[in-house]
Amino acid sequence: ITNLFLSVSLLFFFFRWLDGPKRKRKNSQCSVKSMSGYIPSYLDKDEPCVVCGDKATGYHYRCITCEGCKGFFRRTIQKNLHPSYSCKYDGCCIIDKITRNQCQLCRFKKCIAVGMAMDLVLDDSKRVAKRRLIEENREKRKKEEMVKSLKTRPEPTSSEWELIRMVTEAHRHTNAQGSHWKQKRKFLDIGQSPVAPTSDGDKVDLEAFSEFTKIITPAITRVVDFAKKLPMFSELPCEDQIILLKGCCMEIMSLRAAVRYDPESETLTLNGEMAVKREQLKNGGLGVVSDAIFDLGKSLAQFNLDDTEVALLQAVLLMSSDRTGLTCVEKIEKCQEMYLLAFEHYINYRKHNIPHFWPKLLMKVTDLRMIGACHASRFLHMKVECPTELFPPLFLEVFEDQDV
């Protein structure tokens, strides 16, 4: 690298000596760009510039020229310099790549003689307009390519539509209050003042905890009913069904709460009836899990999910083949793949405007799995800190003996 730099430096000073002490460096065309720039495919190898004979880089102002002569011609016209050009030798200079910078008048005359068009040189306003037009066309092409890409992406097959229909119906029949949850919700007015400190530093409002446990049993029951309505789930062994339900129950309940996040009141609606704020849910026993569910709700709001997308997300969470203790792992994995494929095709059908909608939505599955894991850990603290009689039997049955 040092030797190369030294060689280039020596060449530079050699050409300066040839051109005389008054030669200006800014007009030199021995630049890296002119030697190694992009050469269009329509040019022959080493095709010369029609003005100076240097290596041409393409058609510029209607002639095949090098970058140096292109720039010289453009600057001359844009700055109206040619009236001030003069020649010491009565306009008889021979222009080549060595002498091109020694006589501006003869170089410009040769540019005109070979056919370079002055009317093609844009002034500042036209150049800005051209750049704007190029940018607009680029954005237009991007949009056209996106639309074309969306049109070519596969949409659900007839069998997938049937699967999607069953999953959607299962969700609608087991989703409390349906689309009328905003009209039927009630705002919880307790749980604002935590009283009982727990061993992990969070505090529990036992009155709020008691209120939450009243709605937990019907919420769990609805998740179980949702799973039973899915044909592929009912075909699994009973032991695997129980493991899958225990694993996904908190995840699905969290999803159902998160999609009912209301930014105006900053509340989540639990089980379609109880609107709670972040601190109420936190003080009522969920602790840091509350933050994760609220953050998920805020994030999901931009996705504008419909019932089918929520239903398919639930099916994907349910059919997670990595739950500990499963026997039919391959069968469950294939079931999840079927749901995922139908889900992706349905997303293509919906044609959301959010870039990379599908991978972004899949990341929410990871977020929900993390919420489930955090809740399993939190549940152990709750069992220690809260009276046993406050825990509904179904709540204990589902969340005891979970992996942490």
Protein backbone atom coordinates (compact mmCIF):
# COMPACT_ATOMS: atom_id res chain seq x y z
CA ILE A 1 0.00 0.00 0.00
CA THR A 2 2.90 2.37 0.87
CA ASN A 3 4.62 1.68 -2.47
CA LEU A 4 1.37 2.29 -4.37
CA PHE A 5 0.82 5.58 -2.55
CA LEU A 6 4.41 6.64 -3.33
CA SER A 7 3.99 5.79 -7.03
CA VAL A 8 0.76 7.78 -7.30
CA SER A 9 2.39 10.74 -5.55
CA LEU A 10 5.38 10.70 -7.92
CA LEU A 11 3.06 10.60 -10.96
CA PHE A 12 1.12 13.53 -9.55
CA PHE A 13 4.21 15.73 -9.18
CA PHE A 14 5.53 14.58 -12.58
CA PHE A 15 2.37 15.76 -14.35
CA ARG A 16 2.41 19.02 -12.39
CA TRP A 17 5.95 19.62 -13.65
CA LEU A 18 4.89 18.85 -17.25
CA ASP A 19 1.92 21.23 -17.15
CA GLY A 20 3.87 24.09 -15.67
CA PRO A 21 3.67 25.85 -12.31
CA LYS A 22 0.33 27.52 -13.05
CA ARG A 23 -1.54 24.25 -13.73
CA LYS A 24 -4.54 23.90 -11.40
CA ARG A 25 -5.03 20.57 -9.68
CA LYS A 26 -8.82 20.82 -9.70
CA ASN A 27 -8.88 20.29 -13.47
CA SER A 28 -6.73 17.16 -13.35
CA GLN A 29 -8.53 14.08 -14.55
CA CYS A 30 -6.05 11.53 -13.17
CA SER A 31 -8.60 10.70 -10.49
CA VAL A 32 -9.40 7.32 -9.05
CA LYS A 33 -12.99 7.73 -10.17
CA SER A 34 -12.09 8.18 -13.86
CA MET A 35 -9.74 5.20 -13.75
CA SER A 36 -11.86 2.74 -11.82
CA GLY A 37 -15.45 4.02 -12.08
CA TYR A 38 -18.44 2.17 -13.47
CA ILE A 39 -18.22 1.56 -17.23
CA PRO A 40 -21.54 0.97 -19.08
CA SER A 41 -21.92 -2.31 -20.94
CA TYR A 42 -22.55 -0.53 -24.26
CA LEU A 43 -18.93 0.73 -24.35
CA ASP A 44 -16.14 -1.30 -25.86
CA LYS A 45 -13.22 -2.09 -23.59
CA ASP A 46 -10.90 0.93 -23.30
CA GLU A 47 -13.06 3.01 -25.66
CA PRO A 48 -11.46 6.48 -25.85
CA CYS A 49 -12.98 9.86 -25.04
CA VAL A 50 -13.74 11.69 -28.32
CA VAL A 51 -12.33 14.90 -26.85
CA CYS A 52 -9.03 13.94 -25.21
CA GLY A 53 -8.54 10.24 -25.88
CA ASP A 54 -8.63 9.21 -22.20
CA LYS A 55 -10.70 6.18 -21.18
CA ALA A 56 -14.38 6.96 -21.73
CA THR A 57 -17.01 6.30 -19.06
CA GLY A 58 -20.20 6.69 -21.12
CA TYR A 59 -22.40 9.02 -23.16
CA HIS A 60 -22.25 12.54 -21.72
CA TYR A 61 -24.13 15.39 -23.38
CA ARG A 62 -24.58 13.26 -26.52
CA CYS A 63 -20.92 12.16 -26.88
CA ILE A 64 -18.74 9.36 -25.56
CA THR A 65 -16.35 11.11 -23.16
CA CYS A 66 -14.31 10.63 -20.02
CA GLU A 67 -15.36 11.97 -16.62
CA GLY A 68 -12.87 14.83 -16.94
CA CYS A 69 -14.21 16.23 -20.20
CA LYS A 70 -17.78 15.73 -19.02
CA GLY A 71 -17.08 17.79 -15.89
CA PHE A 72 -15.14 20.44 -17.81
CA PHE A 73 -17.96 20.90 -20.33
CA ARG A 74 -20.64 21.01 -17.61
CA ARG A 75 -18.79 23.60 -15.50
CA THR A 76 -18.05 25.74 -18.55
CA ILE A 77 -21.72 25.95 -19.53
CA GLN A 78 -23.20 26.22 -16.02
CA LYS A 79 -20.83 29.06 -15.04
CA ASN A 80 -20.76 30.62 -18.54
CA LEU A 81 -16.96 30.52 -18.58
CA HIS A 82 -16.31 30.06 -22.31
CA PRO A 83 -16.42 33.79 -23.22
CA SER A 84 -13.38 34.32 -20.99
CA TYR A 85 -11.33 31.44 -22.44
CA SER A 86 -8.28 32.33 -24.55
CA CYS A 87 -5.49 30.52 -26.39
CA LYS A 88 -1.82 31.50 -26.65
CA TYR A 89 -1.41 29.64 -29.93
CA ASP A 90 -4.25 31.03 -32.08
CA GLY A 91 -6.66 28.17 -31.25
CA CYS A 92 -4.48 25.47 -32.79
CA CYS A 93 -3.74 23.33 -29.70
CA ILE A 94 -3.85 19.56 -29.97
CA ILE A 95 -6.05 18.24 -27.15
CA ASP A 96 -5.15 14.92 -25.55
CA LYS A 97 -5.16 13.62 -21.98
CA ILE A 98 -1.76 15.25 -21.30
CA THR A 99 -2.49 18.68 -22.79
CA ARG A 100 -6.24 18.97 -22.13
CA ASN A 101 -5.76 21.16 -19.04
CA GLN A 102 -3.30 23.56 -20.72
CA CYS A 103 -5.79 25.28 -23.03
CA GLN A 104 -9.41 25.66 -21.99
CA LEU A 105 -10.47 27.40 -25.21
CA CYS A 106 -9.21 24.66 -27.52
CA ARG A 107 -10.63 21.98 -25.24
CA PHE A 108 -14.04 23.64 -25.26
CA LYS A 109 -13.92 24.15 -29.05
CA LYS A 110 -13.18 20.45 -29.45
CA CYS A 111 -16.09 19.55 -27.16
CA ILE A 112 -18.38 21.52 -29.47
CA ALA A 113 -16.73 20.15 -32.60
CA VAL A 114 -17.29 16.51 -31.62
CA GLY A 115 -20.95 17.21 -30.90
CA MET A 116 -21.36 17.82 -27.15
CA ALA A 117 -24.72 19.54 -26.66
CA MET A 118 -24.83 22.74 -24.61
CA ASP A 119 -28.62 22.54 -24.26
CA LEU A 120 -28.35 19.29 -22.32
CA VAL A 121 -26.43 20.92 -19.46
CA LEU A 122 -28.88 21.70 -16.66
CA ASP A 123 -28.74 24.81 -14.51
CA ASP A 124 -29.11 24.56 -10.72
CA SER A 125 -32.91 24.75 -10.67
CA LYS A 126 -33.29 22.17 -13.44
CA ARG A 127 -30.76 19.90 -11.76
CA VAL A 128 -32.66 20.05 -8.47
CA ALA A 129 -35.90 19.34 -10.33
CA LYS A 130 -34.28 16.39 -12.09
CA ARG A 131 -33.02 14.94 -8.80
CA ARG A 132 -36.47 15.37 -7.28
CA LEU A 133 -38.05 13.61 -10.25
CA ILE A 134 -35.53 10.77 -10.01
CA GLU A 135 -36.29 10.37 -6.30
CA GLU A 136 -40.05 10.43 -6.94
CA ASN A 137 -39.68 7.80 -9.65
CA ARG A 138 -37.55 5.68 -7.34
CA GLU A 139 -40.20 5.83 -4.61
CA LYS A 140 -42.90 5.07 -7.18
CA ARG A 141 -40.99 1.99 -8.36
CA LYS A 142 -40.57 0.84 -4.76
CA LYS A 143 -44.32 1.08 -4.17
CA GLU A 144 -45.07 -0.69 -7.44
CA GLU A 145 -42.64 -3.47 -6.56
CA MET A 146 -44.24 -3.79 -3.10
CA VAL A 147 -47.73 -4.02 -4.61
CA LYS A 148 -46.48 -6.53 -7.17
CA SER A 149 -44.80 -8.53 -4.41
CA LEU A 150 -48.01 -8.54 -2.35
CA LYS A 151 -50.00 -9.71 -5.37
CA THR A 152 -47.61 -12.59 -6.03
CA ARG A 153 -47.54 -13.84 -2.42
CA PRO A 154 -49.69 -16.94 -1.94
CA GLU A 155 -53.06 -16.55 -0.27
CA PRO A 156 -54.98 -19.28 1.61
CA THR A 157 -56.02 -22.42 -0.23
CA SER A 158 -59.57 -23.75 0.15
CA SER A 159 -58.47 -26.18 2.88
CA GLU A 160 -56.62 -23.38 4.69
CA TRP A 161 -59.69 -21.16 4.50
CA GLU A 162 -61.67 -23.93 6.21
CA LEU A 163 -59.02 -24.20 8.94
CA ILE A 164 -59.00 -20.41 9.35
CA ARG A 165 -62.80 -20.39 9.61
CA MET A 166 -62.81 -23.02 12.39
CA VAL A 167 -60.09 -21.24 14.39
CA THR A 168 -61.85 -17.89 14.04
CA GLU A 169 -65.19 -19.34 15.15
CA ALA A 170 -63.51 -21.04 18.11
CA HIS A 171 -62.09 -17.69 19.19
CA ARG A 172 -65.33 -15.75 18.74
CA HIS A 173 -67.36 -18.29 20.71
CA THR A 174 -64.92 -18.19 23.63
CA ASN A 175 -63.95 -14.51 23.69
CA ALA A 176 -65.87 -12.68 26.42
CA GLN A 177 -68.04 -9.76 25.23
CA GLY A 178 -66.69 -10.04 21.68
CA SER A 179 -66.43 -6.68 19.93
CA HIS A 180 -68.66 -4.98 22.53
CA TRP A 181 -66.08 -5.05 25.34
CA LYS A 182 -65.67 -1.26 25.45
CA GLN A 183 -69.37 -0.73 26.10
CA LYS A 184 -69.58 -3.46 28.76
CA ARG A 185 -66.32 -2.97 30.67
CA LYS A 186 -66.24 -1.70 34.26
CA PHE A 187 -63.34 0.28 35.67
CA LEU A 188 -61.74 -1.17 38.79
CA ASP A 189 -61.43 1.43 41.55
CA ILE A 190 -59.18 -0.53 43.92
CA GLY A 191 -55.56 -1.62 43.83
CA GLN A 192 -54.11 1.88 43.73
CA SER A 193 -52.36 1.61 47.12
CA PRO A 194 -50.18 -1.49 47.60
CA VAL A 195 -49.99 -2.69 51.18
CA ALA A 196 -48.32 -6.07 51.63
CA PRO A 197 -44.64 -6.24 50.58
CA THR A 198 -43.46 -9.49 48.98
CA SER A 199 -40.05 -11.12 49.16
CA ASP A 200 -39.09 -9.98 45.63
CA GLY A 201 -39.65 -6.32 46.44
CA ASP A 202 -43.06 -5.87 44.77
CA LYS A 203 -46.22 -5.29 46.78
CA VAL A 204 -49.62 -6.94 46.68
CA ASP A 205 -53.01 -5.38 47.25
CA LEU A 206 -54.96 -8.38 48.53
CA GLU A 207 -58.32 -6.77 47.74
CA ALA A 208 -57.31 -6.26 44.11
CA PHE A 209 -55.82 -9.76 44.00
CA SER A 210 -59.12 -11.16 45.23
CA GLU A 211 -60.99 -9.30 42.47
CA PHE A 212 -58.64 -10.65 39.81
CA THR A 213 -59.04 -14.24 41.01
CA LYS A 214 -62.82 -13.95 40.56
CA ILE A 215 -62.43 -13.54 36.81
CA ILE A 216 -59.50 -15.92 36.37
CA THR A 217 -61.58 -19.12 36.44
CA PRO A 218 -63.95 -18.13 33.60
CA ALA A 219 -60.96 -16.77 31.65
CA ILE A 220 -59.11 -20.10 31.95
CA THR A 221 -62.30 -21.99 31.05
CA ARG A 222 -62.63 -19.97 27.85
CA VAL A 223 -59.06 -20.82 26.83
CA VAL A 224 -59.79 -24.52 27.41
CA ASP A 225 -63.01 -24.27 25.38
CA PHE A 226 -61.11 -22.54 22.57
CA ALA A 227 -58.58 -25.39 22.42
CA LYS A 228 -61.27 -28.08 22.44
CA LYS A 229 -62.93 -26.53 19.40
CA LEU A 230 -59.78 -27.04 17.31
CA PRO A 231 -59.96 -30.43 15.54
CA MET A 232 -56.23 -31.09 15.58
CA PHE A 233 -56.04 -30.46 19.32
CA SER A 234 -58.81 -32.95 20.16
CA GLU A 235 -56.92 -35.67 18.28
CA LEU A 236 -53.95 -35.48 20.68
CA PRO A 237 -53.56 -37.71 23.77
CA CYS A 238 -55.20 -36.30 26.90
CA GLU A 239 -51.83 -35.94 28.65
CA ASP A 240 -50.46 -33.81 25.82
CA GLN A 241 -53.62 -31.68 25.78
CA ILE A 242 -53.15 -30.88 29.47
CA ILE A 243 -49.46 -29.98 29.00
CA LEU A 244 -50.25 -27.71 26.06
CA LEU A 245 -53.06 -25.96 27.93
CA LYS A 246 -50.98 -25.38 31.03
CA GLY A 247 -48.18 -24.00 28.90
CA CYS A 248 -50.22 -21.58 26.80
CA CYS A 249 -53.00 -20.50 29.17
CA MET A 250 -51.31 -17.37 30.55
CA GLU A 251 -49.97 -16.51 27.10
CA ILE A 252 -53.42 -16.61 25.49
CA MET A 253 -55.07 -14.74 28.37
CA SER A 254 -52.35 -12.08 28.11
CA LEU A 255 -52.91 -11.81 24.35
CA ARG A 256 -56.66 -11.44 24.81
CA ALA A 257 -56.07 -8.68 27.36
CA ALA A 258 -53.36 -6.96 25.27
CA VAL A 259 -55.54 -6.61 22.16
CA ARG A 260 -58.04 -4.80 24.40
CA TYR A 261 -55.61 -2.07 25.35
CA ASP A 262 -57.25 1.35 25.29
CA PRO A 263 -54.74 4.20 24.80
CA GLU A 264 -57.26 6.85 25.86
CA SER A 265 -57.85 5.43 29.34
CA GLU A 266 -54.50 3.56 29.42
CA THR A 267 -56.25 0.39 30.54
CA LEU A 268 -56.44 -3.28 29.64
CA THR A 269 -59.78 -5.04 29.79
CA LEU A 270 -59.53 -8.44 31.49
CA ASN A 271 -61.95 -11.18 30.49
CA GLY A 272 -63.94 -8.61 28.52
CA GLU A 273 -65.33 -6.95 31.64
CA MET A 274 -62.74 -5.48 34.04
CA ALA A 275 -60.74 -2.42 32.88
CA VAL A 276 -57.52 -2.02 34.88
CA LYS A 277 -54.59 0.36 34.83
CA ARG A 278 -50.95 -0.73 34.85
CA GLU A 279 -50.41 -0.09 38.58
CA GLN A 280 -53.64 -1.88 39.53
CA LEU A 281 -52.59 -5.02 37.68
CA LYS A 282 -49.10 -4.77 39.12
CA ASN A 283 -50.31 -4.25 42.70
CA GLY A 284 -52.92 -6.97 42.31
CA GLY A 285 -50.26 -9.66 42.09
CA LEU A 286 -48.70 -9.67 38.63
CA GLY A 287 -45.80 -7.35 39.48
CA VAL A 288 -43.41 -6.86 36.55
CA VAL A 289 -45.56 -9.16 34.39
CA SER A 290 -48.05 -6.28 34.30
CA ASP A 291 -45.51 -4.06 32.53
CA ALA A 292 -44.86 -6.72 29.90
CA ILE A 293 -48.57 -7.16 29.13
CA PHE A 294 -49.21 -3.41 28.93
CA ASP A 295 -46.16 -2.91 26.69
CA LEU A 296 -47.43 -5.70 24.45
CA GLY A 297 -50.84 -4.00 24.29
CA LYS A 298 -49.28 -0.71 23.19
CA SER A 299 -47.18 -2.51 20.58
CA LEU A 300 -50.07 -4.56 19.18
CA ALA A 301 -52.25 -1.46 18.77
CA GLN A 302 -50.34 -0.47 15.61
CA PHE A 303 -51.01 -3.88 14.01
CA ASN A 304 -54.80 -3.44 13.98
CA LEU A 305 -55.35 -7.20 14.26
CA ASP A 306 -58.72 -8.67 13.37
CA ASP A 307 -60.40 -11.62 15.12
CA THR A 308 -58.88 -14.13 12.72
CA GLU A 309 -55.31 -12.92 13.31
CA VAL A 310 -55.80 -13.03 17.09
CA ALA A 311 -57.32 -16.51 16.78
CA LEU A 312 -54.43 -17.82 14.67
CA LEU A 313 -51.90 -16.35 17.09
CA GLN A 314 -53.64 -18.27 19.87
CA ALA A 315 -53.54 -21.49 17.83
CA VAL A 316 -49.80 -21.04 17.21
CA LEU A 317 -49.21 -20.50 20.95
CA LEU A 318 -51.33 -23.53 21.82
CA MET A 319 -49.50 -25.90 19.46
CA SER A 320 -46.00 -25.28 20.84
CA SER A 321 -44.10 -28.54 20.51
CA ASP A 322 -41.31 -27.50 22.90
CA ARG A 323 -43.42 -27.84 26.08
CA THR A 324 -41.78 -30.21 28.55
CA GLY A 325 -43.25 -33.72 28.79
CA LEU A 326 -45.03 -33.98 25.42
CA THR A 327 -45.21 -37.39 23.74
CA CYS A 328 -46.52 -36.49 20.25
CA VAL A 329 -43.92 -33.82 19.55
CA GLU A 330 -43.76 -34.34 15.77
CA LYS A 331 -47.54 -34.34 15.37
CA ILE A 332 -47.87 -31.13 17.39
CA GLU A 333 -45.05 -29.54 15.41
CA LYS A 334 -46.82 -30.38 12.13
CA CYS A 335 -50.05 -28.93 13.51
CA GLN A 336 -48.30 -25.68 14.38
CA GLU A 337 -46.70 -25.55 10.92
CA MET A 338 -50.16 -25.89 9.35
CA TYR A 339 -51.45 -23.01 11.46
CA LEU A 340 -48.37 -20.90 10.68
CA LEU A 341 -48.68 -21.47 6.94
CA ALA A 342 -52.39 -20.65 6.94
CA PHE A 343 -51.61 -17.63 9.13
CA GLU A 344 -48.93 -16.33 6.74
CA HIS A 345 -51.22 -16.78 3.74
CA TYR A 346 -54.01 -14.96 5.56
CA ILE A 347 -51.61 -12.07 6.28
CA ASN A 348 -50.84 -11.95 2.54
CA TYR A 349 -54.59 -11.84 1.86
CA ARG A 350 -55.09 -8.95 4.31
CA LYS A 351 -52.34 -6.85 2.66
CA HIS A 352 -51.27 -4.79 5.66
CA ASN A 353 -49.39 -1.54 4.95
CA ILE A 354 -46.79 -2.10 7.69
CA PRO A 355 -43.41 -3.15 6.19
CA HIS A 356 -42.32 -6.66 7.22
CA PHE A 357 -45.66 -7.18 8.97
CA TRP A 358 -45.41 -10.98 9.16
CA PRO A 359 -41.97 -11.29 10.84
CA LYS A 360 -42.82 -8.43 13.20
CA LEU A 361 -46.03 -10.18 14.22
CA LEU A 362 -44.21 -13.47 14.77
CA MET A 363 -41.92 -11.66 17.22
CA LYS A 364 -45.00 -11.12 19.39
CA VAL A 365 -45.17 -14.90 19.85
CA THR A 366 -41.74 -14.66 21.49
CA ASP A 367 -42.96 -11.78 23.68
CA LEU A 368 -45.98 -13.82 24.79
CA ARG A 369 -43.81 -16.84 25.57
CA MET A 370 -41.65 -14.59 27.76
CA ILE A 371 -44.75 -13.32 29.56
CA GLY A 372 -45.77 -16.92 30.26
CA ALA A 373 -42.32 -17.73 31.66
CA CYS A 374 -42.28 -14.59 33.83
CA HIS A 375 -45.73 -15.39 35.18
CA ALA A 376 -44.65 -18.93 36.13
CA SER A 377 -41.86 -17.42 38.23
CA ARG A 378 -44.19 -14.79 39.67
CA PHE A 379 -46.74 -17.46 40.62
CA LEU A 380 -44.26 -19.05 43.02
CA HIS A 381 -43.97 -15.77 44.93
CA MET A 382 -47.73 -15.33 44.99
CA LYS A 383 -48.24 -18.74 46.55
CA VAL A 384 -45.95 -17.75 49.40
CA GLU A 385 -47.32 -14.24 49.96
CA CYS A 386 -51.07 -14.66 49.44
CA PRO A 387 -53.51 -16.77 51.50
CA THR A 388 -54.19 -20.15 49.88
CA GLU A 389 -57.96 -19.69 50.12
CA LEU A 390 -57.74 -16.76 47.68
CA PHE A 391 -56.52 -19.04 44.87
CA PRO A 392 -59.33 -20.66 42.84
CA PRO A 393 -58.82 -24.45 42.39
CA LEU A 394 -58.61 -24.20 38.58
CA PHE A 395 -56.01 -21.44 38.88
CA LEU A 396 -53.84 -23.68 41.07
CA GLU A 397 -54.39 -26.70 38.82
CA VAL A 398 -53.24 -24.84 35.70
CA PHE A 399 -50.29 -22.90 37.06
CA GLU A 400 -48.78 -25.27 39.61
CA ASP A 401 -45.82 -27.45 38.56
CA GLN A 402 -44.94 -25.22 35.60
CA ASP A 403 -41.39 -24.91 34.28
CA VAL A 404 -39.72 -21.70 35.46
